[in-house]
């Protein structure tokens, strides 16, 4: 039976930095998450980057629903008859002040069709049905990492994986952030209340997830001198060079970010020895900090920093 979901409130740890530490007993980090070993493998193989010791979607949904287009209904957006490509292109049209159309539109269309069709055929036509199936499969004992695996097993377009130097490596940015946002949206008001998605005795164990490897966090990690970029990479970033998905630079940037945040997490665990620290919340914090620095709303004092270089440019469905 699916646990009743309460209304999401501002008690979510996404909005409260004090929740960087989770009140769960310490346990070995990511023993079952292949993203970590994959990132370590890519870093070792590339030997390229060194590690030293969020309203657009809401606005789009608002405009879409105001126009009477049920774009959040899988039954609708999976149907090419009810929802032709031209209608989706209209929904995601450029804002009046923008000169660029939505990148990778055909790829996004294919993903919407695929996800909608799977939700309708296998999970009763909703994300709620998907979560109910997850809880049945794991008999209400599943964790956040179990849900990530359930996502990647169910939806091919979420399999952020690649063969690299003879080994399958995993980044899982989108499946992990989907699970993390689900966890945060329904975070209980009281720490004594079981999480409605992960009500088992182990709870969500959100600390089993990594950071979400894309553009912004590598940028702030380099600014904080946690990542050391070779001069050749800095030159390319300053010139706005585009990096192809799966290139040496792009994979190394993603892998380095994952391992760097793990190092930060481990140091925080050492400092707060009775707490479990989440890489997910470290990611949320660093992403927000990077955006604030970009627009001049914040600054960093008291520690050494590098000049901020542009985030790397990669056109990819995995981000």
C-alpha atoms as a PDB file:
ATOM      1  CA  UNK A   1       0.000   0.000   0.000  1.00  0.00           C
ATOM      2  CA  UNK A   2       1.380   3.375  -0.984  1.00  0.00           C
ATOM      3  CA  UNK A   3       2.103   5.569   1.999  1.00  0.00           C
ATOM      4  CA  UNK A   4       0.003   8.743   2.096  1.00  0.00           C
ATOM      5  CA  UNK A   5       2.008  11.669   0.742  1.00  0.00           C
ATOM      6  CA  UNK A   6       1.770  14.923   2.681  1.00  0.00           C
ATOM      7  CA  UNK A   7       1.849  18.329   1.051  1.00  0.00           C
ATOM      8  CA  UNK A   8       5.429  19.433   0.437  1.00  0.00           C
ATOM      9  CA  UNK A   9       6.513  22.197   2.812  1.00  0.00           C
ATOM     10  CA  UNK A  10       9.452  24.527   3.288  1.00  0.00           C
ATOM     11  CA  UNK A  11      10.885  22.106   5.837  1.00  0.00           C
ATOM     12  CA  UNK A  12      12.564  20.439   2.868  1.00  0.00           C
ATOM     13  CA  UNK A  13      16.338  20.349   3.373  1.00  0.00           C
ATOM     14  CA  UNK A  14      16.761  21.972  -0.039  1.00  0.00           C
ATOM     15  CA  UNK A  15      15.784  25.271   1.558  1.00  0.00           C
ATOM     16  CA  UNK A  16      17.689  24.939   4.797  1.00  0.00           C
ATOM     17  CA  UNK A  17      21.473  24.724   4.876  1.00  0.00           C
ATOM     18  CA  UNK A  18      21.462  23.313   8.421  1.00  0.00           C
ATOM     19  CA  UNK A  19      20.166  20.074   6.917  1.00  0.00           C
ATOM     20  CA  UNK A  20      23.459  19.452   5.134  1.00  0.00           C
ATOM     21  CA  UNK A  21      23.923  16.894   7.865  1.00  0.00           C
ATOM     22  CA  UNK A  22      21.420  14.056   8.089  1.00  0.00           C
ATOM     23  CA  UNK A  23      20.395  12.599  11.471  1.00  0.00           C
ATOM     24  CA  UNK A  24      21.192   9.049  10.469  1.00  0.00           C
ATOM     25  CA  UNK A  25      23.916   6.763  11.800  1.00  0.00           C
ATOM     26  CA  UNK A  26      27.139   6.851   9.844  1.00  0.00           C
ATOM     27  CA  UNK A  27      27.505   4.107   7.251  1.00  0.00           C
ATOM     28  CA  UNK A  28      30.034   3.356   4.483  1.00  0.00           C
ATOM     29  CA  UNK A  29      29.553   5.749   1.589  1.00  0.00           C
ATOM     30  CA  UNK A  30      28.079   4.544  -1.702  1.00  0.00           C
ATOM     31  CA  UNK A  31      29.141   0.909  -1.365  1.00  0.00           C
ATOM     32  CA  UNK A  32      26.558  -0.043  -4.023  1.00  0.00           C
ATOM     33  CA  UNK A  33      26.542   3.059  -6.217  1.00  0.00           C
ATOM     34  CA  UNK A  34      28.563   2.468  -9.420  1.00  0.00           C
ATOM     35  CA  UNK A  35      28.759   6.191 -10.127  1.00  0.00           C
ATOM     36  CA  UNK A  36      31.609   6.512  -7.628  1.00  0.00           C
ATOM     37  CA  UNK A  37      33.776   3.719  -9.036  1.00  0.00           C
ATOM     38  CA  UNK A  38      32.987   4.920 -12.553  1.00  0.00           C
ATOM     39  CA  UNK A  39      34.108   8.452 -11.769  1.00  0.00           C
ATOM     40  CA  UNK A  40      37.268   7.195 -10.101  1.00  0.00           C
ATOM     41  CA  UNK A  41      38.032   5.066 -13.155  1.00  0.00           C
ATOM     42  CA  UNK A  42      37.519   7.984 -15.561  1.00  0.00           C
ATOM     43  CA  UNK A  43      39.713  10.261 -13.457  1.00  0.00           C
ATOM     44  CA  UNK A  44      42.471   7.689 -13.338  1.00  0.00           C
ATOM     45  CA  UNK A  45      42.279   6.965 -17.050  1.00  0.00           C
ATOM     46  CA  UNK A  46      42.133  10.603 -18.188  1.00  0.00           C
ATOM     47  CA  UNK A  47      44.664  11.952 -15.687  1.00  0.00           C
ATOM     48  CA  UNK A  48      43.409  15.369 -16.745  1.00  0.00           C
ATOM     49  CA  UNK A  49      41.706  17.268 -13.922  1.00  0.00           C
ATOM     50  CA  UNK A  50      43.252  17.140 -10.491  1.00  0.00           C
ATOM     51  CA  UNK A  51      41.439  17.193  -7.159  1.00  0.00           C
ATOM     52  CA  UNK A  52      43.138  18.944  -4.237  1.00  0.00           C
ATOM     53  CA  UNK A  53      42.806  17.887  -0.529  1.00  0.00           C
ATOM     54  CA  UNK A  54      17.224  26.133 -10.407  1.00  0.00           C
ATOM     55  CA  UNK A  55      11.986  28.736 -11.787  1.00  0.00           C
ATOM     56  CA  UNK A  56      12.216  28.157 -15.570  1.00  0.00           C
ATOM     57  CA  UNK A  57      10.336  24.864 -15.353  1.00  0.00           C
ATOM     58  CA  UNK A  58       7.682  26.299 -13.028  1.00  0.00           C
ATOM     59  CA  UNK A  59       7.129  29.261 -15.357  1.00  0.00           C
ATOM     60  CA  UNK A  60       6.857  26.997 -18.401  1.00  0.00           C
ATOM     61  CA  UNK A  61       4.347  24.755 -16.644  1.00  0.00           C
ATOM     62  CA  UNK A  62       2.358  27.807 -15.536  1.00  0.00           C
ATOM     63  CA  UNK A  63       2.141  29.232 -19.042  1.00  0.00           C
ATOM     64  CA  UNK A  64       1.336  25.824 -20.506  1.00  0.00           C
ATOM     65  CA  UNK A  65      -1.481  25.093 -18.078  1.00  0.00           C
ATOM     66  CA  UNK A  66      -2.799  28.635 -18.478  1.00  0.00           C
ATOM     67  CA  UNK A  67      -3.111  27.908 -22.208  1.00  0.00           C
ATOM     68  CA  UNK A  68      -5.156  24.791 -21.421  1.00  0.00           C
ATOM     69  CA  UNK A  69      -2.496  22.317 -22.633  1.00  0.00           C
ATOM     70  CA  UNK A  70      -2.183  19.337 -20.210  1.00  0.00           C
ATOM     71  CA  UNK A  71       1.531  18.945 -20.861  1.00  0.00           C
ATOM     72  CA  UNK A  72       2.148  17.265 -17.496  1.00  0.00           C
ATOM     73  CA  UNK A  73      -0.192  14.348 -18.325  1.00  0.00           C
ATOM     74  CA  UNK A  74       1.724  11.334 -19.703  1.00  0.00           C
ATOM     75  CA  UNK A  75      -1.383  10.098 -21.534  1.00  0.00           C
ATOM     76  CA  UNK A  76      -1.419  13.392 -23.416  1.00  0.00           C
ATOM     77  CA  UNK A  77       2.230  13.967 -24.207  1.00  0.00           C
ATOM     78  CA  UNK A  78       2.877  10.336 -25.183  1.00  0.00           C
ATOM     79  CA  UNK A  79       0.202  10.561 -27.902  1.00  0.00           C
ATOM     80  CA  UNK A  80       1.359  11.953 -31.250  1.00  0.00           C
ATOM     81  CA  UNK A  81      -2.319  12.355 -32.208  1.00  0.00           C
ATOM     82  CA  UNK A  82      -3.402  14.409 -29.193  1.00  0.00           C
ATOM     83  CA  UNK A  83      -0.039  16.095 -28.788  1.00  0.00           C
ATOM     84  CA  UNK A  84       1.793  16.442 -32.129  1.00  0.00           C
ATOM     85  CA  UNK A  85       5.406  17.517 -32.264  1.00  0.00           C
ATOM     86  CA  UNK A  86       4.357  20.997 -33.386  1.00  0.00           C
ATOM     87  CA  UNK A  87       2.361  21.491 -30.173  1.00  0.00           C
ATOM     88  CA  UNK A  88       5.285  20.474 -27.972  1.00  0.00           C
ATOM     89  CA  UNK A  89       7.510  22.824 -29.962  1.00  0.00           C
ATOM     90  CA  UNK A  90       4.956  25.583 -29.255  1.00  0.00           C
ATOM     91  CA  UNK A  91       4.928  24.804 -25.536  1.00  0.00           C
ATOM     92  CA  UNK A  92       8.706  25.030 -25.345  1.00  0.00           C
ATOM     93  CA  UNK A  93       9.047  27.966 -27.730  1.00  0.00           C
ATOM     94  CA  UNK A  94      11.667  30.600 -27.064  1.00  0.00           C
ATOM     95  CA  UNK A  95      10.800  33.545 -24.870  1.00  0.00           C
ATOM     96  CA  UNK A  96      10.279  36.808 -26.800  1.00  0.00           C
ATOM     97  CA  UNK A  97      13.650  38.162 -25.672  1.00  0.00           C
ATOM     98  CA  UNK A  98      15.500  34.970 -26.677  1.00  0.00           C
ATOM     99  CA  UNK A  99      17.104  34.510 -30.072  1.00  0.00           C
ATOM    100  CA  UNK A 100      17.770  30.765 -29.657  1.00  0.00           C
ATOM    101  CA  UNK A 101      15.245  27.973 -30.028  1.00  0.00           C
ATOM    102  CA  UNK A 102      15.236  25.110 -27.534  1.00  0.00           C
ATOM    103  CA  UNK A 103      18.330  22.964 -28.164  1.00  0.00           C
ATOM    104  CA  UNK A 104      18.000  19.239 -28.881  1.00  0.00           C
ATOM    105  CA  UNK A 105      14.257  19.547 -29.488  1.00  0.00           C
ATOM    106  CA  UNK A 106      13.980  16.274 -31.420  1.00  0.00           C
ATOM    107  CA  UNK A 107      15.827  14.402 -28.701  1.00  0.00           C
ATOM    108  CA  UNK A 108      13.604  15.944 -26.025  1.00  0.00           C
ATOM    109  CA  UNK A 109      10.506  14.982 -28.007  1.00  0.00           C
ATOM    110  CA  UNK A 110      11.683  11.384 -28.236  1.00  0.00           C
ATOM    111  CA  UNK A 111      12.342  11.244 -24.487  1.00  0.00           C
ATOM    112  CA  UNK A 112       8.913  12.685 -23.651  1.00  0.00           C
ATOM    113  CA  UNK A 113       7.228  10.130 -25.903  1.00  0.00           C
ATOM    114  CA  UNK A 114       9.209   7.253 -24.456  1.00  0.00           C
ATOM    115  CA  UNK A 115       8.732   8.211 -20.805  1.00  0.00           C
ATOM    116  CA  UNK A 116       5.025   8.916 -21.319  1.00  0.00           C
ATOM    117  CA  UNK A 117       4.454   5.630 -23.115  1.00  0.00           C
ATOM    118  CA  UNK A 118       6.221   3.625 -20.380  1.00  0.00           C
ATOM    119  CA  UNK A 119       4.333   5.406 -17.601  1.00  0.00           C
ATOM    120  CA  UNK A 120       1.048   4.646 -19.384  1.00  0.00           C
ATOM    121  CA  UNK A 121       1.798   1.025 -20.279  1.00  0.00           C
ATOM    122  CA  UNK A 122       3.530  -0.061 -17.069  1.00  0.00           C
ATOM    123  CA  UNK A 123       2.611   2.344 -14.256  1.00  0.00           C
ATOM    124  CA  UNK A 124      -0.990   3.444 -14.684  1.00  0.00           C
ATOM    125  CA  UNK A 125      -0.122   6.634 -16.510  1.00  0.00           C
ATOM    126  CA  UNK A 126       1.506   8.628 -13.716  1.00  0.00           C
ATOM    127  CA  UNK A 127       4.645   9.152 -11.661  1.00  0.00           C
ATOM    128  CA  UNK A 128       2.553   8.260  -8.627  1.00  0.00           C
ATOM    129  CA  UNK A 129       1.902   4.863 -10.200  1.00  0.00           C
ATOM    130  CA  UNK A 130       5.619   4.492 -10.758  1.00  0.00           C
ATOM    131  CA  UNK A 131       6.321   5.221  -7.080  1.00  0.00           C
ATOM    132  CA  UNK A 132       3.626   2.753  -6.026  1.00  0.00           C
ATOM    133  CA  UNK A 133       5.276   0.086  -8.182  1.00  0.00           C
ATOM    134  CA  UNK A 134       8.628   0.900  -6.588  1.00  0.00           C
ATOM    135  CA  UNK A 135       7.199   0.471  -3.098  1.00  0.00           C
ATOM    136  CA  UNK A 136       5.568  -2.854  -4.060  1.00  0.00           C
ATOM    137  CA  UNK A 137       8.797  -4.137  -5.557  1.00  0.00           C
ATOM    138  CA  UNK A 138      10.793  -3.302  -2.447  1.00  0.00           C
ATOM    139  CA  UNK A 139       7.968  -3.965   0.031  1.00  0.00           C
ATOM    140  CA  UNK A 140       8.287  -0.413   1.388  1.00  0.00           C
ATOM    141  CA  UNK A 141      11.925  -1.071   2.298  1.00  0.00           C
ATOM    142  CA  UNK A 142      13.501   0.660  -0.699  1.00  0.00           C
ATOM    143  CA  UNK A 143      16.066   3.445  -0.403  1.00  0.00           C
ATOM    144  CA  UNK A 144      16.917   6.405  -2.616  1.00  0.00           C
ATOM    145  CA  UNK A 145      19.550   4.405  -4.473  1.00  0.00           C
ATOM    146  CA  UNK A 146      17.058   1.586  -5.014  1.00  0.00           C
ATOM    147  CA  UNK A 147      14.707   4.121  -6.592  1.00  0.00           C
ATOM    148  CA  UNK A 148      17.510   5.407  -8.824  1.00  0.00           C
ATOM    149  CA  UNK A 149      18.106   1.866 -10.058  1.00  0.00           C
ATOM    150  CA  UNK A 150      14.361   1.404 -10.577  1.00  0.00           C
ATOM    151  CA  UNK A 151      14.353   4.564 -12.725  1.00  0.00           C
ATOM    152  CA  UNK A 152      17.282   3.441 -14.873  1.00  0.00           C
ATOM    153  CA  UNK A 153      15.869  -0.066 -15.208  1.00  0.00           C
ATOM    154  CA  UNK A 154      12.484   1.308 -16.319  1.00  0.00           C
ATOM    155  CA  UNK A 155      13.437   4.226 -18.607  1.00  0.00           C
ATOM    156  CA  UNK A 156      16.208   3.832 -21.210  1.00  0.00           C
ATOM    157  CA  UNK A 157      16.568   7.613 -21.611  1.00  0.00           C
ATOM    158  CA  UNK A 158      17.713   7.872 -17.983  1.00  0.00           C
ATOM    159  CA  UNK A 159      20.636   5.464 -18.466  1.00  0.00           C
ATOM    160  CA  UNK A 160      23.448   7.986 -18.241  1.00  0.00           C
ATOM    161  CA  UNK A 161      26.104   5.368 -18.921  1.00  0.00           C
ATOM    162  CA  UNK A 162      28.973   5.022 -21.360  1.00  0.00           C
ATOM    163  CA  UNK A 163      31.704   2.600 -22.369  1.00  0.00           C
ATOM    164  CA  UNK A 164      35.034   4.201 -21.524  1.00  0.00           C
ATOM    165  CA  UNK A 165      38.412   2.564 -22.084  1.00  0.00           C
ATOM    166  CA  UNK A 166      36.813  -0.865 -22.040  1.00  0.00           C
ATOM    167  CA  UNK A 167      34.669  -0.322 -18.945  1.00  0.00           C
ATOM    168  CA  UNK A 168      31.011   0.639 -18.465  1.00  0.00           C
ATOM    169  CA  UNK A 169      30.877   3.853 -16.413  1.00  0.00           C
ATOM    170  CA  UNK A 170      27.867   5.450 -14.773  1.00  0.00           C
ATOM    171  CA  UNK A 171      27.050   9.111 -14.079  1.00  0.00           C
ATOM    172  CA  UNK A 172      23.258   8.948 -13.551  1.00  0.00           C
ATOM    173  CA  UNK A 173      22.782  12.693 -13.208  1.00  0.00           C
ATOM    174  CA  UNK A 174      19.095  12.843 -14.189  1.00  0.00           C
ATOM    175  CA  UNK A 175      17.908   9.716 -12.349  1.00  0.00           C
ATOM    176  CA  UNK A 176      19.675  10.789  -9.173  1.00  0.00           C
ATOM    177  CA  UNK A 177      18.326  14.348  -9.266  1.00  0.00           C
ATOM    178  CA  UNK A 178      14.817  13.014  -9.967  1.00  0.00           C
ATOM    179  CA  UNK A 179      15.031  10.892  -6.835  1.00  0.00           C
ATOM    180  CA  UNK A 180      16.619  13.678  -4.794  1.00  0.00           C
ATOM    181  CA  UNK A 181      13.894  16.151  -5.780  1.00  0.00           C
ATOM    182  CA  UNK A 182      11.235  13.561  -4.911  1.00  0.00           C
ATOM    183  CA  UNK A 183      12.878  13.016  -1.529  1.00  0.00           C
ATOM    184  CA  UNK A 184      13.118  16.748  -0.867  1.00  0.00           C
ATOM    185  CA  UNK A 185       9.596  17.605  -2.041  1.00  0.00           C
ATOM    186  CA  UNK A 186       8.051  15.210   0.484  1.00  0.00           C
ATOM    187  CA  UNK A 187      10.527  15.670   3.294  1.00  0.00           C
ATOM    188  CA  UNK A 188       8.594  15.175   6.574  1.00  0.00           C
ATOM    189  CA  UNK A 189       8.046  18.151   8.838  1.00  0.00           C
ATOM    190  CA  UNK A 190       9.214  16.118  11.824  1.00  0.00           C
ATOM    191  CA  UNK A 191      12.419  14.067  11.836  1.00  0.00           C
ATOM    192  CA  UNK A 192      10.438  11.405  13.731  1.00  0.00           C
ATOM    193  CA  UNK A 193       7.991  10.964  10.835  1.00  0.00           C
ATOM    194  CA  UNK A 194       8.916   8.275   8.275  1.00  0.00           C
ATOM    195  CA  UNK A 195       9.493   9.553   4.785  1.00  0.00           C
ATOM    196  CA  UNK A 196       6.345   8.699   2.757  1.00  0.00           C
ATOM    197  CA  UNK A 197       8.333   7.446  -0.246  1.00  0.00           C
ATOM    198  CA  UNK A 198      10.932   5.587   1.816  1.00  0.00           C
ATOM    199  CA  UNK A 199       9.083   4.470   4.976  1.00  0.00           C
ATOM    200  CA  UNK A 200      11.278   1.481   5.761  1.00  0.00           C
ATOM    201  CA  UNK A 201      13.520   1.299   8.841  1.00  0.00           C
ATOM    202  CA  UNK A 202      16.546   2.434   6.823  1.00  0.00           C
ATOM    203  CA  UNK A 203      14.689   5.508   5.592  1.00  0.00           C
ATOM    204  CA  UNK A 204      15.714   7.126   2.295  1.00  0.00           C
ATOM    205  CA  UNK A 205      19.463   6.887   2.921  1.00  0.00           C
ATOM    206  CA  UNK A 206      19.870   9.873   0.626  1.00  0.00           C
ATOM    207  CA  UNK A 207      23.570   9.824   1.466  1.00  0.00           C
ATOM    208  CA  UNK A 208      23.815   6.850  -0.903  1.00  0.00           C
ATOM    209  CA  UNK A 209      23.528   9.246  -3.854  1.00  0.00           C
ATOM    210  CA  UNK A 210      26.279  11.382  -5.362  1.00  0.00           C
ATOM    211  CA  UNK A 211      26.255  14.954  -6.589  1.00  0.00           C
ATOM    212  CA  UNK A 212      24.671  15.582 -10.016  1.00  0.00           C
ATOM    213  CA  UNK A 213      27.461  15.850 -12.550  1.00  0.00           C
ATOM    214  CA  UNK A 214      26.769  18.559 -15.112  1.00  0.00           C
ATOM    215  CA  UNK A 215      27.997  22.145 -15.709  1.00  0.00           C
ATOM    216  CA  UNK A 216      27.700  24.365 -12.682  1.00  0.00           C
ATOM    217  CA  UNK A 217      29.303  22.461  -9.814  1.00  0.00           C
ATOM    218  CA  UNK A 218      32.635  21.872 -11.614  1.00  0.00           C
ATOM    219  CA  UNK A 219      32.813  25.627 -12.143  1.00  0.00           C
ATOM    220  CA  UNK A 220      32.428  26.466  -8.452  1.00  0.00           C
ATOM    221  CA  UNK A 221      34.741  23.643  -7.379  1.00  0.00           C
ATOM    222  CA  UNK A 222      37.472  25.114  -9.568  1.00  0.00           C
ATOM    223  CA  UNK A 223      36.782  28.597  -8.169  1.00  0.00           C
ATOM    224  CA  UNK A 224      37.211  27.177  -4.651  1.00  0.00           C
ATOM    225  CA  UNK A 225      40.572  25.632  -5.692  1.00  0.00           C
ATOM    226  CA  UNK A 226      39.186  22.136  -5.046  1.00  0.00           C
ATOM    227  CA  UNK A 227      39.681  21.252  -8.706  1.00  0.00           C
ATOM    228  CA  UNK A 228      42.839  22.124 -10.592  1.00  0.00           C
ATOM    229  CA  UNK A 229      42.368  22.582 -14.336  1.00  0.00           C
ATOM    230  CA  UNK A 230      45.222  22.311 -16.807  1.00  0.00           C
ATOM    231  CA  UNK A 231      45.983  25.546 -18.637  1.00  0.00           C
ATOM    232  CA  UNK A 232      44.794  24.031 -21.919  1.00  0.00           C
ATOM    233  CA  UNK A 233      41.314  23.428 -20.462  1.00  0.00           C
ATOM    234  CA  UNK A 234      41.077  26.935 -19.033  1.00  0.00           C
ATOM    235  CA  UNK A 235      41.934  28.393 -22.452  1.00  0.00           C
ATOM    236  CA  UNK A 236      39.206  26.312 -24.095  1.00  0.00           C
ATOM    237  CA  UNK A 237      36.642  27.309 -21.470  1.00  0.00           C
ATOM    238  CA  UNK A 238      37.439  31.002 -21.863  1.00  0.00           C
ATOM    239  CA  UNK A 239      37.080  30.700 -25.644  1.00  0.00           C
ATOM    240  CA  UNK A 240      33.649  29.054 -25.261  1.00  0.00           C
ATOM    241  CA  UNK A 241      34.814  25.811 -26.806  1.00  0.00           C
ATOM    242  CA  UNK A 242      32.093  23.150 -26.966  1.00  0.00           C
ATOM    243  CA  UNK A 243      32.919  19.716 -25.579  1.00  0.00           C
ATOM    244  CA  UNK A 244      31.208  16.705 -27.082  1.00  0.00           C
ATOM    245  CA  UNK A 245      29.449  14.265 -24.720  1.00  0.00           C
ATOM    246  CA  UNK A 246      31.869  11.465 -23.939  1.00  0.00           C
ATOM    247  CA  UNK A 247      34.965  13.476 -24.785  1.00  0.00           C
ATOM    248  CA  UNK A 248      38.002  13.235 -22.531  1.00  0.00           C
ATOM    249  CA  UNK A 249      37.478  16.723 -21.131  1.00  0.00           C
ATOM    250  CA  UNK A 250      33.732  16.355 -20.566  1.00  0.00           C
ATOM    251  CA  UNK A 251      33.954  12.997 -18.826  1.00  0.00           C
ATOM    252  CA  UNK A 252      36.873  14.121 -16.701  1.00  0.00           C
ATOM    253  CA  UNK A 253      35.002  17.246 -15.583  1.00  0.00           C
ATOM    254  CA  UNK A 254      32.008  15.160 -14.534  1.00  0.00           C
ATOM    255  CA  UNK A 255      34.083  12.502 -12.816  1.00  0.00           C
ATOM    256  CA  UNK A 256      36.265  15.016 -10.997  1.00  0.00           C
ATOM    257  CA  UNK A 257      33.176  16.784  -9.645  1.00  0.00           C
ATOM    258  CA  UNK A 258      31.755  13.556  -8.241  1.00  0.00           C
ATOM    259  CA  UNK A 259      34.964  12.564  -6.483  1.00  0.00           C
ATOM    260  CA  UNK A 260      35.695  16.102  -5.252  1.00  0.00           C
ATOM    261  CA  UNK A 261      32.287  16.370  -3.588  1.00  0.00           C
ATOM    262  CA  UNK A 262      32.868  12.949  -2.035  1.00  0.00           C
ATOM    263  CA  UNK A 263      36.111  14.267  -0.533  1.00  0.00           C
ATOM    264  CA  UNK A 264      34.249  17.301   0.833  1.00  0.00           C
ATOM    265  CA  UNK A 265      31.595  14.984   2.236  1.00  0.00           C
ATOM    266  CA  UNK A 266      34.169  12.774   3.932  1.00  0.00           C
ATOM    267  CA  UNK A 267      35.854  15.789   5.520  1.00  0.00           C
ATOM    268  CA  UNK A 268      32.502  16.994   6.831  1.00  0.00           C
ATOM    269  CA  UNK A 269      31.849  13.558   8.312  1.00  0.00           C
ATOM    270  CA  UNK A 270      35.211  13.749  10.069  1.00  0.00           C
ATOM    271  CA  UNK A 271      34.313  17.157  11.506  1.00  0.00           C
ATOM    272  CA  UNK A 272      30.784  16.096  12.514  1.00  0.00           C
ATOM    273  CA  UNK A 273      31.524  12.526  13.465  1.00  0.00           C
ATOM    274  CA  UNK A 274      28.026  11.707  14.706  1.00  0.00           C
ATOM    275  CA  UNK A 275      26.274  12.799  11.516  1.00  0.00           C
ATOM    276  CA  UNK A 276      25.695  11.410   8.042  1.00  0.00           C
ATOM    277  CA  UNK A 277      26.422  14.052   5.396  1.00  0.00           C
ATOM    278  CA  UNK A 278      24.706  14.090   2.015  1.00  0.00           C
ATOM    279  CA  UNK A 279      26.468  14.833  -1.265  1.00  0.00           C
ATOM    280  CA  UNK A 280      23.038  15.756  -2.641  1.00  0.00           C
ATOM    281  CA  UNK A 281      22.761  18.712  -0.265  1.00  0.00           C
ATOM    282  CA  UNK A 282      26.368  19.705  -0.850  1.00  0.00           C
ATOM    283  CA  UNK A 283      25.475  19.837  -4.560  1.00  0.00           C
ATOM    284  CA  UNK A 284      22.392  21.980  -3.849  1.00  0.00           C
ATOM    285  CA  UNK A 285      24.492  24.359  -1.775  1.00  0.00           C
ATOM    286  CA  UNK A 286      27.336  24.635  -4.304  1.00  0.00           C
ATOM    287  CA  UNK A 287      24.951  25.102  -7.250  1.00  0.00           C
ATOM    288  CA  UNK A 288      23.146  27.924  -5.459  1.00  0.00           C
ATOM    289  CA  UNK A 289      26.433  29.511  -4.421  1.00  0.00           C
ATOM    290  CA  UNK A 290      27.722  29.447  -7.994  1.00  0.00           C
ATOM    291  CA  UNK A 291      24.587  31.173  -9.275  1.00  0.00           C
ATOM    292  CA  UNK A 292      24.779  33.835  -6.558  1.00  0.00           C
ATOM    293  CA  UNK A 293      28.419  34.530  -7.332  1.00  0.00           C
ATOM    294  CA  UNK A 294      27.601  34.787 -11.023  1.00  0.00           C
ATOM    295  CA  UNK A 295      25.109  37.622 -10.468  1.00  0.00           C
ATOM    296  CA  UNK A 296      27.065  39.303  -7.678  1.00  0.00           C
ATOM    297  CA  UNK A 297      24.703  38.349  -4.849  1.00  0.00           C
ATOM    298  CA  UNK A 298      27.428  36.677  -2.807  1.00  0.00           C
ATOM    299  CA  UNK A 299      31.198  36.601  -2.420  1.00  0.00           C
ATOM    300  CA  UNK A 300      33.762  34.372  -0.746  1.00  0.00           C
ATOM    301  CA  UNK A 301      36.221  35.673   1.824  1.00  0.00           C
ATOM    302  CA  UNK A 302      38.828  34.002   3.994  1.00  0.00           C
ATOM    303  CA  UNK A 303      39.951  31.234   1.644  1.00  0.00           C
ATOM    304  CA  UNK A 304      42.009  31.109  -1.518  1.00  0.00           C
ATOM    305  CA  UNK A 305      40.027  31.147  -4.754  1.00  0.00           C
ATOM    306  CA  UNK A 306      40.700  30.987  -8.478  1.00  0.00           C
ATOM    307  CA  UNK A 307      39.232  33.421 -10.970  1.00  0.00           C
ATOM    308  CA  UNK A 308      35.828  32.155 -12.090  1.00  0.00           C
ATOM    309  CA  UNK A 309      36.057  30.597 -15.536  1.00  0.00           C
ATOM    310  CA  UNK A 310      33.010  29.839 -17.710  1.00  0.00           C
ATOM    311  CA  UNK A 311      31.172  26.569 -17.194  1.00  0.00           C
ATOM    312  CA  UNK A 312      31.905  23.979 -19.834  1.00  0.00           C
ATOM    313  CA  UNK A 313      29.561  23.831 -22.812  1.00  0.00           C
ATOM    314  CA  UNK A 314      28.140  20.433 -23.722  1.00  0.00           C
ATOM    315  CA  UNK A 315      24.911  19.728 -25.596  1.00  0.00           C
ATOM    316  CA  UNK A 316      23.652  16.511 -24.070  1.00  0.00           C
ATOM    317  CA  UNK A 317      20.416  14.774 -23.084  1.00  0.00           C
ATOM    318  CA  UNK A 318      22.151  13.480 -19.958  1.00  0.00           C
ATOM    319  CA  UNK A 319      22.371  16.851 -18.251  1.00  0.00           C
END
